Amino acid sequence: MDTLAEPAVARINGMSLHSPDETLDVETLRQRACTELLRQATQRAGLLGADDAASADGVISEAASSAIETLLSQALAVPEPSDEACRRHFAAHAADYRTGDRARVRHVLFAVTPGVNVRALRQRAEAALLDVRCHRDGEADRFAAAAASLSNCPSGAQGGDLGWLTRDDCAPEFAREIFSGSEVGVLPRLVHSRFGLHVVEVLERETGVDKPFGAVRGAVQMALRQKAYVTALRQYLQVLAGAADVQGVALDSADSPLVQ
């Protein structure tokens, strides 16, 4: 995550998002900005008292958190997914609902931490990916060596070995990359997760059991509801940002009403 290029304090409608001596990564700054947009919206809606103060450390009051939850329940109209939409989603993502899939995995983690130069980190990760993919039979195990010398994960001491994993053992975004295909070997792309960038090798796979639509209908509905909620929330935040005085942080904005 990139850091702010300028030391100036970022603000939403004049309210500071951090202290003058604090430098935030881009994602953390955006999260604080979105939270402050919502906190101020609750005050305008009469859901939160005017005496609730803005926070410069990203921690809002319990009252503000509750008011934001109430605001979003009122402002976001999330449609119930139709049976047809659920069936289409299931047909396109049936493997996501299969149970028992396992993969034996090892990785090299390039952790994204506050203040890290993401561009330089990506370049190091891409160089490592290219190096381990150029491994030839009979050569020393480049992957294990890369994990031992470069990985920010304790598994580096074991050559990056994570053992046998199921979907439930991984962060969802990591699981999607590992279990969405049938590849064995070093994946030809970097895997992104909340922890950073991963060079990943799948050593073995065991295929699980396919589930019929009726058995996973509830899970499919929940997935589509969550997707619709995220879309509605993003649009709502764009409208709030478009009406706000935003300084020192890049936010998407929209001048049009919330689109459902």
Protein backbone atom coordinates (compact mmCIF):
# COMPACT_ATOMS: atom_id res chain seq x y z
CA MET A 1 0.00 0.00 0.00
CA ASP A 2 1.37 3.40 -0.98
CA THR A 3 1.82 6.12 1.59
CA LEU A 4 0.65 9.71 1.33
CA ALA A 5 2.89 11.85 -0.83
CA GLU A 6 2.12 14.98 1.18
CA PRO A 7 2.34 15.41 4.96
CA ALA A 8 -0.81 17.56 5.09
CA VAL A 9 -3.62 16.28 7.27
CA ALA A 10 -6.47 14.64 5.35
CA ARG A 11 -9.94 15.95 6.22
CA ILE A 12 -13.60 15.29 5.57
CA ASN A 13 -15.63 18.51 5.81
CA GLY A 14 -12.86 19.98 7.92
CA MET A 15 -12.62 17.02 10.31
CA SER A 16 -9.10 15.57 10.60
CA LEU A 17 -8.58 11.90 9.82
CA HIS A 18 -5.18 11.61 11.49
CA SER A 19 -2.67 13.59 13.49
CA PRO A 20 -0.15 15.85 11.68
CA ASP A 21 2.76 13.54 12.50
CA GLU A 22 0.99 10.37 11.36
CA THR A 23 1.44 8.90 7.88
CA LEU A 24 -1.18 6.38 6.82
CA ASP A 25 -1.21 3.87 4.01
CA VAL A 26 -3.76 4.55 1.31
CA GLU A 27 -6.23 1.84 2.30
CA THR A 28 -6.27 2.79 5.98
CA LEU A 29 -6.79 6.43 5.06
CA ARG A 30 -9.69 5.56 2.76
CA GLN A 31 -11.29 3.43 5.45
CA ARG A 32 -11.10 6.29 7.94
CA ALA A 33 -12.50 8.70 5.36
CA CYS A 34 -15.46 6.42 4.60
CA THR A 35 -16.15 5.95 8.30
CA GLU A 36 -16.10 9.69 8.85
CA LEU A 37 -18.42 10.28 5.88
CA LEU A 38 -20.89 7.85 7.46
CA ARG A 39 -20.50 9.29 10.97
CA GLN A 40 -21.29 12.77 9.71
CA ALA A 41 -24.23 11.42 7.70
CA THR A 42 -25.71 9.95 10.88
CA GLN A 43 -25.51 13.36 12.55
CA ARG A 44 -27.29 15.04 9.64
CA ALA A 45 -29.97 12.34 9.82
CA GLY A 46 -30.48 12.98 13.53
CA LEU A 47 -29.28 9.51 14.48
CA LEU A 48 -26.21 10.72 16.36
CA GLY A 49 -25.78 13.69 18.64
CA ALA A 50 -23.86 16.74 17.44
CA ASP A 51 -21.61 16.39 20.48
CA ASP A 52 -20.16 13.12 19.17
CA ALA A 53 -16.61 14.15 18.29
CA ALA A 54 -14.62 13.08 15.24
CA SER A 55 -11.66 10.82 15.94
CA ALA A 56 -8.15 11.38 14.64
CA ASP A 57 -7.09 7.80 15.42
CA GLY A 58 -9.72 5.92 13.42
CA VAL A 59 -11.65 4.74 16.50
CA ILE A 60 -15.25 5.96 16.63
CA SER A 61 -17.59 5.92 19.61
CA GLU A 62 -19.94 3.04 20.31
CA ALA A 63 -22.85 5.41 19.71
CA ALA A 64 -21.46 6.36 16.29
CA SER A 65 -20.98 2.73 15.35
CA SER A 66 -24.58 1.92 16.29
CA ALA A 67 -25.87 4.99 14.44
CA ILE A 68 -23.99 4.01 11.28
CA GLU A 69 -25.53 0.54 11.42
CA THR A 70 -29.00 2.12 11.70
CA LEU A 71 -28.27 4.57 8.89
CA LEU A 72 -27.17 1.85 6.50
CA SER A 73 -30.20 -0.29 7.30
CA GLN A 74 -32.36 2.67 6.27
CA ALA A 75 -30.33 3.96 3.32
CA LEU A 76 -29.36 0.76 1.53
CA ALA A 77 -32.13 -1.05 -0.29
CA VAL A 78 -30.58 -4.46 -0.95
CA PRO A 79 -32.79 -6.58 -3.22
CA GLU A 80 -33.48 -10.22 -2.42
CA PRO A 81 -31.79 -12.40 -5.06
CA SER A 82 -34.23 -14.24 -7.30
CA ASP A 83 -34.18 -17.99 -7.66
CA GLU A 84 -33.08 -17.55 -11.28
CA ALA A 85 -30.14 -15.34 -10.24
CA CYS A 86 -29.14 -17.87 -7.58
CA ARG A 87 -29.20 -20.71 -10.09
CA ARG A 88 -27.11 -18.72 -12.60
CA HIS A 89 -24.57 -17.90 -9.90
CA PHE A 90 -24.40 -21.52 -8.80
CA ALA A 91 -23.95 -22.76 -12.37
CA ALA A 92 -21.02 -20.37 -12.84
CA HIS A 93 -19.42 -21.05 -9.43
CA ALA A 94 -20.37 -24.63 -8.60
CA ALA A 95 -16.79 -25.45 -7.59
CA ASP A 96 -16.99 -22.81 -4.86
CA TYR A 97 -19.68 -24.84 -3.12
CA ARG A 98 -17.98 -28.20 -3.41
CA THR A 99 -16.93 -29.64 -0.05
CA GLY A 100 -13.79 -31.54 0.77
CA ASP A 101 -11.41 -29.91 -1.75
CA ARG A 102 -7.87 -29.97 -0.42
CA ALA A 103 -4.58 -28.68 -1.76
CA ARG A 104 -1.04 -29.10 -0.47
CA VAL A 105 0.45 -25.64 -0.78
CA ARG A 106 3.60 -23.71 -0.14
CA HIS A 107 4.11 -20.00 -0.55
CA VAL A 108 6.43 -17.02 -0.32
CA LEU A 109 4.72 -14.08 1.37
CA PHE A 110 5.62 -10.48 0.62
CA ALA A 111 3.68 -8.77 3.41
CA VAL A 112 2.03 -5.40 2.84
CA THR A 113 2.55 -3.37 6.00
CA PRO A 114 1.95 0.33 6.78
CA GLY A 115 4.48 2.52 5.01
CA VAL A 116 5.72 -0.17 2.62
CA ASN A 117 6.51 0.84 -0.96
CA VAL A 118 3.99 -1.33 -2.80
CA ARG A 119 5.55 -0.83 -6.21
CA ALA A 120 8.95 -1.99 -4.99
CA LEU A 121 7.34 -4.87 -3.08
CA ARG A 122 5.49 -6.01 -6.20
CA GLN A 123 8.69 -5.87 -8.22
CA ARG A 124 10.45 -8.11 -5.68
CA ALA A 125 7.51 -10.51 -5.66
CA GLU A 126 7.37 -10.67 -9.46
CA ALA A 127 11.12 -11.29 -9.63
CA ALA A 128 10.77 -14.14 -7.15
CA LEU A 129 7.85 -15.60 -9.11
CA LEU A 130 9.87 -15.56 -12.33
CA ASP A 131 12.85 -17.15 -10.58
CA VAL A 132 10.94 -20.07 -9.09
CA ARG A 133 9.06 -20.68 -12.34
CA CYS A 134 12.39 -21.04 -14.13
CA HIS A 135 13.34 -23.97 -11.89
CA ARG A 136 14.56 -26.98 -13.86
CA ASP A 137 14.48 -30.63 -12.90
CA GLY A 138 17.64 -31.60 -11.05
CA GLU A 139 18.35 -28.09 -9.81
CA ALA A 140 18.27 -27.12 -6.16
CA ASP A 141 14.80 -26.33 -4.80
CA ARG A 142 14.54 -22.65 -5.68
CA PHE A 143 11.12 -22.31 -4.11
CA ALA A 144 12.28 -23.45 -0.70
CA ALA A 145 15.30 -21.20 -0.93
CA ALA A 146 13.15 -18.21 -1.90
CA ALA A 147 10.77 -18.89 0.98
CA ALA A 148 13.63 -19.18 3.45
CA SER A 149 15.27 -15.92 2.37
CA LEU A 150 12.32 -13.74 1.31
CA SER A 151 9.07 -14.83 2.95
CA ASN A 152 7.49 -12.77 5.74
CA CYS A 153 5.63 -15.88 6.92
CA PRO A 154 6.99 -18.23 9.63
CA SER A 155 6.49 -21.05 7.11
CA GLY A 156 9.58 -19.76 5.34
CA ALA A 157 11.65 -21.79 7.79
CA GLN A 158 9.99 -24.92 6.31
CA GLY A 159 10.47 -23.84 2.71
CA GLY A 160 7.11 -22.07 2.67
CA ASP A 161 5.18 -25.31 3.31
CA LEU A 162 1.60 -24.69 4.52
CA GLY A 163 0.60 -28.35 4.40
CA TRP A 164 -2.83 -29.53 3.30
CA LEU A 165 -5.40 -26.70 3.18
CA THR A 166 -9.15 -26.57 2.67
CA ARG A 167 -11.13 -23.48 1.73
CA ASP A 168 -11.98 -22.90 5.38
CA ASP A 169 -8.30 -22.82 6.31
CA CYS A 170 -7.59 -19.77 4.13
CA ALA A 171 -8.63 -16.15 3.84
CA PRO A 172 -11.51 -16.09 1.30
CA GLU A 173 -9.52 -14.19 -1.33
CA PHE A 174 -6.62 -16.65 -0.99
CA ALA A 175 -8.98 -19.63 -1.18
CA ARG A 176 -10.58 -18.29 -4.38
CA GLU A 177 -7.19 -18.22 -6.10
CA ILE A 178 -6.16 -21.66 -4.90
CA PHE A 179 -9.42 -23.56 -5.39
CA SER A 180 -10.95 -21.87 -8.45
CA GLY A 181 -8.83 -23.94 -10.83
CA SER A 182 -7.10 -27.30 -11.13
CA GLU A 183 -3.53 -26.10 -11.61
CA VAL A 184 -0.67 -28.00 -10.01
CA GLY A 185 2.73 -26.36 -9.78
CA VAL A 186 3.77 -22.75 -9.32
CA LEU A 187 0.81 -20.52 -10.13
CA PRO A 188 1.68 -18.19 -13.03
CA ARG A 189 0.44 -15.11 -11.20
CA LEU A 190 0.88 -13.44 -7.85
CA VAL A 191 -1.91 -14.20 -5.39
CA HIS A 192 -3.28 -11.16 -3.55
CA SER A 193 -4.66 -11.42 -0.04
CA ARG A 194 -5.24 -9.16 2.97
CA PHE A 195 -1.76 -10.21 4.13
CA GLY A 196 0.11 -9.18 1.00
CA LEU A 197 1.39 -10.75 -2.20
CA HIS A 198 2.04 -14.47 -2.43
CA VAL A 199 4.08 -16.62 -4.76
CA VAL A 200 2.21 -19.93 -4.54
CA GLU A 201 2.95 -23.49 -5.52
CA VAL A 202 0.26 -26.16 -5.40
CA LEU A 203 2.02 -29.48 -4.85
CA GLU A 204 -1.01 -31.78 -4.85
CA ARG A 205 -4.80 -31.60 -5.04
CA GLU A 206 -7.63 -33.76 -3.79
CA THR A 207 -11.06 -33.13 -5.30
CA GLY A 208 -14.03 -32.94 -2.96
CA VAL A 209 -17.71 -33.74 -3.42
CA ASP A 210 -20.04 -31.67 -5.61
CA LYS A 211 -23.18 -30.40 -3.92
CA PRO A 212 -26.57 -30.05 -5.65
CA PHE A 213 -28.08 -26.58 -5.85
CA GLY A 214 -30.78 -27.39 -3.31
CA ALA A 215 -28.19 -28.24 -0.67
CA VAL A 216 -26.40 -24.91 -0.98
CA ARG A 217 -29.27 -22.59 -1.94
CA GLY A 218 -28.95 -20.66 1.34
CA ALA A 219 -25.22 -20.13 0.90
CA VAL A 220 -25.75 -18.90 -2.67
CA GLN A 221 -28.44 -16.46 -1.55
CA MET A 222 -26.14 -15.14 1.17
CA ALA A 223 -23.29 -14.65 -1.30
CA LEU A 224 -25.51 -12.69 -3.70
CA ARG A 225 -26.98 -10.59 -0.87
CA GLN A 226 -23.49 -9.70 0.31
CA LYS A 227 -22.44 -8.77 -3.22
CA ALA A 228 -25.50 -6.54 -3.61
CA TYR A 229 -24.88 -4.95 -0.20
CA VAL A 230 -21.27 -4.11 -1.08
CA THR A 231 -22.37 -2.56 -4.37
CA ALA A 232 -25.06 -0.46 -2.68
CA LEU A 233 -22.68 0.66 0.06
CA ARG A 234 -20.05 1.68 -2.47
CA GLN A 235 -22.59 3.73 -4.39
CA TYR A 236 -23.88 5.37 -1.22
CA LEU A 237 -20.35 6.33 -0.18
CA GLN A 238 -19.77 7.79 -3.64
CA VAL A 239 -22.82 10.03 -3.20
CA LEU A 240 -21.65 11.13 0.25
CA ALA A 241 -18.16 11.86 -1.06
CA GLY A 242 -19.58 13.85 -3.97
CA ALA A 243 -21.40 16.15 -1.53
CA ALA A 244 -18.48 16.50 0.91
CA ASP A 245 -15.37 18.66 1.13
CA VAL A 246 -12.72 15.95 0.82
CA GLN A 247 -9.08 16.92 1.31
CA GLY A 248 -5.95 14.79 1.21
CA VAL A 249 -7.57 11.48 0.33
CA ALA A 250 -8.72 10.07 -3.01
CA LEU A 251 -12.33 8.87 -2.93
CA ASP A 252 -14.73 7.96 -5.71
CA SER A 253 -17.66 10.33 -5.84
CA ALA A 254 -20.98 10.56 -7.63
CA ASP A 255 -23.26 13.51 -8.23
CA SER A 256 -26.23 11.29 -9.04
CA PRO A 257 -28.65 9.74 -6.54
CA LEU A 258 -27.93 6.30 -5.16
CA VAL A 259 -28.41 3.67 -7.83
CA GLN A 260 -29.95 0.41 -6.65
